[in-house]
Amino acid sequence: MLKNTVLSIMFLLTLAGCATVPVQQKTAQMVAIETLQGPVNVSLSSAAGQISGNGYLFFKGPDSFRLSILAPFGQIVFDIIVTGDKVLCLQENRKAAWQGSVDDLPPALGAKVWSLMKWIVEPPHPAGPSLNRVFTRADGTMEMVYYDTGGFVQRKVNGAGDEVFYSDYRISDGRAIANRIELVTVEGSRLVLIFDDPEVNLPIENSILTHSLTGYDVQPLREFKDFSSWK
């Protein structure tokens, strides 16, 4: 309770200090992301180490996504599929799978990161009249949103202290899409996603966000320890 109160006071003080800076609307607008898909460079660091690679990301609202890490010649070497709080990790070359909940993820896979993916792509709050705004979320917690002078979101901070940064906006068909997203969790995990012209709000088949486990050796997610295929 005390921590939330302190954060709320800090939010309000910051807002008051920036209230005189106006937002100038641009012709391009941010859009609510219902689906997102495209090539991505991903880097994930935590207290347990760092892993990175190139891959492909699919997101379909409200809370389903798939991240496929690719080898240099395009083969999928590692998959993580998340739907709600359910997680499935796959190593195709070994026909091995690990399934469980987000809470079962090992530290090296940044457990807190994946539970915040839905927050990262939530519809943007309206900008203005100031560059910093405080919002009360549906669960009663507070969120601080920072904008540039064009009304594009640059940073969000939730009541727990998790932060997400948006940059490298590109304009397509009058829509502004952040091609670089960096998430820093309060416990220190850091996820950086750098997209290469992602496609937004195009259909994604449900089959892409599921995977048959026929022929796989399926184990509990909490026992997953081999990261050699994603490095």
Protein backbone atom coordinates (compact mmCIF):
# COMPACT_ATOMS: atom_id res chain seq x y z
CA MET A 1 0.00 0.00 0.00
CA LEU A 2 2.77 2.45 0.95
CA LYS A 3 4.70 1.69 -2.25
CA ASN A 4 1.63 2.32 -4.42
CA THR A 5 0.93 5.57 -2.58
CA VAL A 6 4.49 6.81 -3.11
CA LEU A 7 4.35 5.91 -6.81
CA SER A 8 1.04 7.71 -7.17
CA ILE A 9 2.46 10.87 -5.59
CA MET A 10 5.52 10.72 -7.85
CA PHE A 11 3.28 10.32 -10.90
CA LEU A 12 1.19 13.34 -9.97
CA LEU A 13 4.22 15.52 -9.23
CA THR A 14 5.78 14.63 -12.57
CA LEU A 15 2.53 15.37 -14.34
CA ALA A 16 2.25 18.77 -12.70
CA GLY A 17 5.79 19.69 -13.75
CA CYS A 18 5.08 19.00 -17.44
CA ALA A 19 1.52 20.25 -17.76
CA THR A 20 2.53 23.38 -19.67
CA VAL A 21 4.04 21.48 -22.64
CA PRO A 22 1.36 21.07 -25.33
CA VAL A 23 0.88 18.06 -27.59
CA GLN A 24 0.83 18.83 -31.31
CA GLN A 25 -1.17 16.26 -33.22
CA LYS A 26 0.42 14.75 -36.35
CA THR A 27 -1.41 13.41 -39.38
CA ALA A 28 -0.25 9.87 -38.53
CA GLN A 29 -1.97 8.20 -35.58
CA MET A 30 -1.11 5.38 -33.22
CA VAL A 31 -3.49 2.44 -33.53
CA ALA A 32 -4.83 -0.23 -31.21
CA ILE A 33 -2.89 -3.43 -31.93
CA GLU A 34 -5.18 -6.42 -32.41
CA THR A 35 -2.57 -8.52 -34.20
CA LEU A 36 1.16 -8.04 -34.79
CA GLN A 37 3.50 -10.20 -36.83
CA GLY A 38 6.91 -9.86 -38.40
CA PRO A 39 10.66 -10.51 -38.26
CA VAL A 40 12.25 -9.44 -35.00
CA ASN A 41 15.62 -9.29 -33.30
CA VAL A 42 15.19 -10.23 -29.66
CA SER A 43 17.48 -9.80 -26.68
CA LEU A 44 16.53 -11.02 -23.22
CA SER A 45 18.71 -10.43 -20.18
CA SER A 46 18.14 -11.36 -16.55
CA ALA A 47 20.10 -12.19 -13.42
CA ALA A 48 20.57 -15.68 -14.91
CA GLY A 49 22.30 -14.43 -18.06
CA GLN A 50 21.54 -13.19 -21.55
CA ILE A 51 20.13 -14.83 -24.66
CA SER A 52 19.48 -13.23 -28.03
CA GLY A 53 18.72 -14.06 -31.63
CA ASN A 54 16.68 -13.34 -34.73
CA GLY A 55 13.22 -14.70 -35.15
CA TYR A 56 9.56 -14.10 -35.92
CA LEU A 57 6.89 -12.84 -33.56
CA PHE A 58 3.14 -13.34 -33.75
CA PHE A 59 0.73 -11.60 -31.37
CA LYS A 60 -3.03 -11.96 -31.37
CA GLY A 61 -5.18 -10.18 -28.84
CA PRO A 62 -6.08 -10.36 -26.17
CA ASP A 63 -3.22 -12.49 -24.78
CA SER A 64 -1.73 -14.98 -27.27
CA PHE A 65 1.69 -14.80 -28.88
CA ARG A 66 4.41 -16.96 -30.38
CA LEU A 67 8.11 -16.17 -30.63
CA SER A 68 10.10 -18.42 -32.96
CA ILE A 69 13.90 -18.13 -32.80
CA LEU A 70 15.58 -18.95 -36.10
CA ALA A 71 18.95 -20.43 -37.05
CA PRO A 72 21.05 -18.52 -39.64
CA PHE A 73 19.47 -20.51 -42.50
CA GLY A 74 15.92 -20.01 -41.30
CA GLN A 75 15.16 -23.19 -39.36
CA ILE A 76 13.20 -22.78 -36.15
CA VAL A 77 15.46 -23.76 -33.25
CA PHE A 78 13.29 -22.63 -30.34
CA ASP A 79 9.64 -21.68 -29.83
CA ILE A 80 7.79 -20.10 -26.95
CA ILE A 81 4.00 -20.00 -27.22
CA VAL A 82 1.99 -18.17 -24.57
CA THR A 83 -1.79 -18.05 -24.21
CA GLY A 84 -2.97 -16.29 -21.08
CA ASP A 85 -0.80 -17.72 -18.32
CA LYS A 86 -0.16 -21.01 -20.16
CA VAL A 87 3.31 -21.50 -21.70
CA LEU A 88 4.67 -24.04 -24.16
CA CYS A 89 8.39 -24.17 -25.07
CA LEU A 90 9.57 -26.32 -27.98
CA GLN A 91 12.88 -27.54 -29.41
CA GLU A 92 11.98 -28.97 -32.79
CA ASN A 93 15.33 -30.64 -33.47
CA ARG A 94 15.07 -32.68 -30.26
CA LYS A 95 11.30 -33.20 -30.42
CA ALA A 96 11.24 -31.88 -26.85
CA ALA A 97 8.53 -29.76 -25.26
CA TRP A 98 8.00 -28.15 -21.88
CA GLN A 99 4.63 -26.89 -20.72
CA GLY A 100 3.31 -25.13 -17.66
CA SER A 101 2.35 -21.65 -16.47
CA VAL A 102 4.16 -18.32 -16.63
CA ASP A 103 5.14 -18.79 -12.98
CA ASP A 104 7.02 -21.98 -13.96
CA LEU A 105 9.36 -20.18 -16.37
CA PRO A 106 13.04 -20.31 -15.35
CA PRO A 107 14.80 -17.02 -14.52
CA ALA A 108 16.88 -17.17 -17.70
CA LEU A 109 13.68 -16.85 -19.73
CA GLY A 110 12.61 -13.75 -17.80
CA ALA A 111 9.41 -15.04 -16.23
CA LYS A 112 7.98 -11.57 -15.52
CA VAL A 113 8.62 -10.41 -19.09
CA TRP A 114 6.08 -12.65 -20.78
CA SER A 115 3.25 -11.84 -18.40
CA LEU A 116 3.64 -8.17 -19.42
CA MET A 117 3.38 -8.70 -23.18
CA LYS A 118 -0.32 -7.90 -23.18
CA TRP A 119 0.40 -4.63 -21.38
CA ILE A 120 3.05 -3.71 -23.96
CA VAL A 121 0.60 -3.80 -26.87
CA GLU A 122 -2.49 -2.44 -25.15
CA PRO A 123 -4.41 0.26 -27.07
CA PRO A 124 -2.71 3.62 -26.50
CA HIS A 125 -4.25 6.12 -24.11
CA PRO A 126 -5.16 9.43 -25.77
CA ALA A 127 -2.44 12.06 -25.75
CA GLY A 128 -2.69 15.62 -24.46
CA PRO A 129 -2.98 18.19 -23.25
CA SER A 130 0.37 17.49 -21.51
CA LEU A 131 3.29 15.23 -22.38
CA ASN A 132 2.85 13.16 -19.19
CA ARG A 133 -0.49 11.72 -18.13
CA VAL A 134 -1.67 9.55 -15.23
CA PHE A 135 -4.33 6.91 -15.81
CA THR A 136 -6.18 4.57 -13.48
CA ARG A 137 -6.35 1.07 -14.90
CA ALA A 138 -9.31 -1.29 -14.68
CA ASP A 139 -7.70 -3.12 -11.74
CA GLY A 140 -7.37 0.14 -9.77
CA THR A 141 -3.60 0.52 -10.22
CA MET A 142 -2.06 3.65 -11.70
CA GLU A 143 -0.07 4.05 -14.89
CA MET A 144 2.09 6.93 -16.09
CA VAL A 145 2.34 7.51 -19.84
CA TYR A 146 4.92 9.79 -21.49
CA TYR A 147 4.39 11.20 -25.01
CA ASP A 148 6.43 13.11 -27.55
CA THR A 149 5.12 16.38 -28.96
CA GLY A 150 3.38 14.50 -31.75
CA GLY A 151 1.31 12.48 -29.30
CA PHE A 152 3.20 9.21 -29.75
CA VAL A 153 3.83 7.13 -26.63
CA GLN A 154 7.51 7.11 -25.65
CA ARG A 155 7.33 5.35 -22.28
CA LYS A 156 4.88 3.72 -19.87
CA VAL A 157 5.37 2.94 -16.17
CA ASN A 158 2.93 0.79 -14.22
CA GLY A 159 2.21 0.93 -10.50
CA ALA A 160 4.70 -1.86 -9.77
CA GLY A 161 7.54 0.05 -11.44
CA ASP A 162 7.81 -1.96 -14.67
CA GLU A 163 8.71 0.25 -17.66
CA VAL A 164 8.35 -0.04 -21.42
CA PHE A 165 9.98 2.28 -23.96
CA TYR A 166 8.84 2.82 -27.57
CA SER A 167 11.04 4.29 -30.31
CA ASP A 168 11.87 4.21 -34.03
CA TYR A 169 8.30 5.01 -35.07
CA ARG A 170 7.59 4.39 -38.74
CA ILE A 171 4.58 5.60 -40.69
CA SER A 172 2.55 3.28 -42.91
CA ASP A 173 -0.87 4.17 -44.34
CA GLY A 174 -1.21 6.98 -41.83
CA ARG A 175 -0.45 4.67 -38.89
CA ALA A 176 2.53 5.07 -36.57
CA ILE A 177 4.17 1.84 -35.40
CA ALA A 178 7.06 1.61 -32.92
CA ASN A 179 9.72 -0.66 -34.43
CA ARG A 180 11.77 -0.80 -31.22
CA ILE A 181 10.24 -1.82 -27.88
CA GLU A 182 12.23 -2.20 -24.68
CA LEU A 183 10.72 -3.65 -21.51
CA VAL A 184 12.48 -3.36 -18.15
CA THR A 185 10.84 -5.19 -15.26
CA VAL A 186 11.07 -4.09 -11.66
CA GLU A 187 13.14 -7.16 -10.75
CA GLY A 188 15.70 -6.37 -13.46
CA SER A 189 14.82 -8.48 -16.52
CA ARG A 190 15.15 -6.64 -19.83
CA LEU A 191 13.55 -7.55 -23.16
CA VAL A 192 14.39 -5.67 -26.37
CA LEU A 193 12.36 -6.28 -29.54
CA ILE A 194 13.55 -4.67 -32.77
CA PHE A 195 11.15 -5.24 -35.64
CA ASP A 196 11.70 -5.10 -39.38
CA ASP A 197 8.51 -3.46 -40.66
CA PRO A 198 5.95 -5.54 -38.75
CA GLU A 199 2.45 -6.12 -40.09
CA VAL A 200 -0.32 -4.81 -37.84
CA ASN A 201 -3.95 -5.93 -37.61
CA LEU A 202 -3.77 -8.52 -40.38
CA PRO A 203 -5.39 -11.93 -39.80
CA ILE A 204 -3.41 -14.60 -37.90
CA GLU A 205 -4.66 -18.17 -38.04
CA ASN A 206 -5.30 -19.76 -34.64
CA SER A 207 -3.21 -22.75 -35.76
CA ILE A 208 -0.08 -20.55 -35.68
CA LEU A 209 -0.57 -20.03 -31.95
CA THR A 210 -0.92 -23.74 -31.15
CA HIS A 211 1.31 -26.76 -31.72
CA SER A 212 0.67 -30.49 -31.79
CA LEU A 213 2.68 -32.41 -29.21
CA THR A 214 2.36 -35.73 -30.99
CA GLY A 215 5.77 -37.39 -31.04
CA TYR A 216 7.27 -34.93 -28.54
CA ASP A 217 8.84 -35.73 -25.21
CA VAL A 218 6.73 -33.46 -22.98
CA GLN A 219 8.14 -32.35 -19.63
CA PRO A 220 7.13 -29.84 -16.94
CA LEU A 221 8.20 -26.30 -17.79
CA ARG A 222 9.89 -25.82 -14.41
CA GLU A 223 12.44 -28.49 -15.47
CA PHE A 224 13.55 -26.61 -18.59
CA LYS A 225 17.25 -25.76 -18.23
CA ASP A 226 18.87 -26.21 -21.65
CA PHE A 227 19.33 -22.88 -23.44
CA SER A 228 22.03 -24.10 -25.84
CA SER A 229 19.65 -23.95 -28.80
CA TRP A 230 18.92 -20.24 -28.29
CA LYS A 231 22.31 -18.53 -28.33
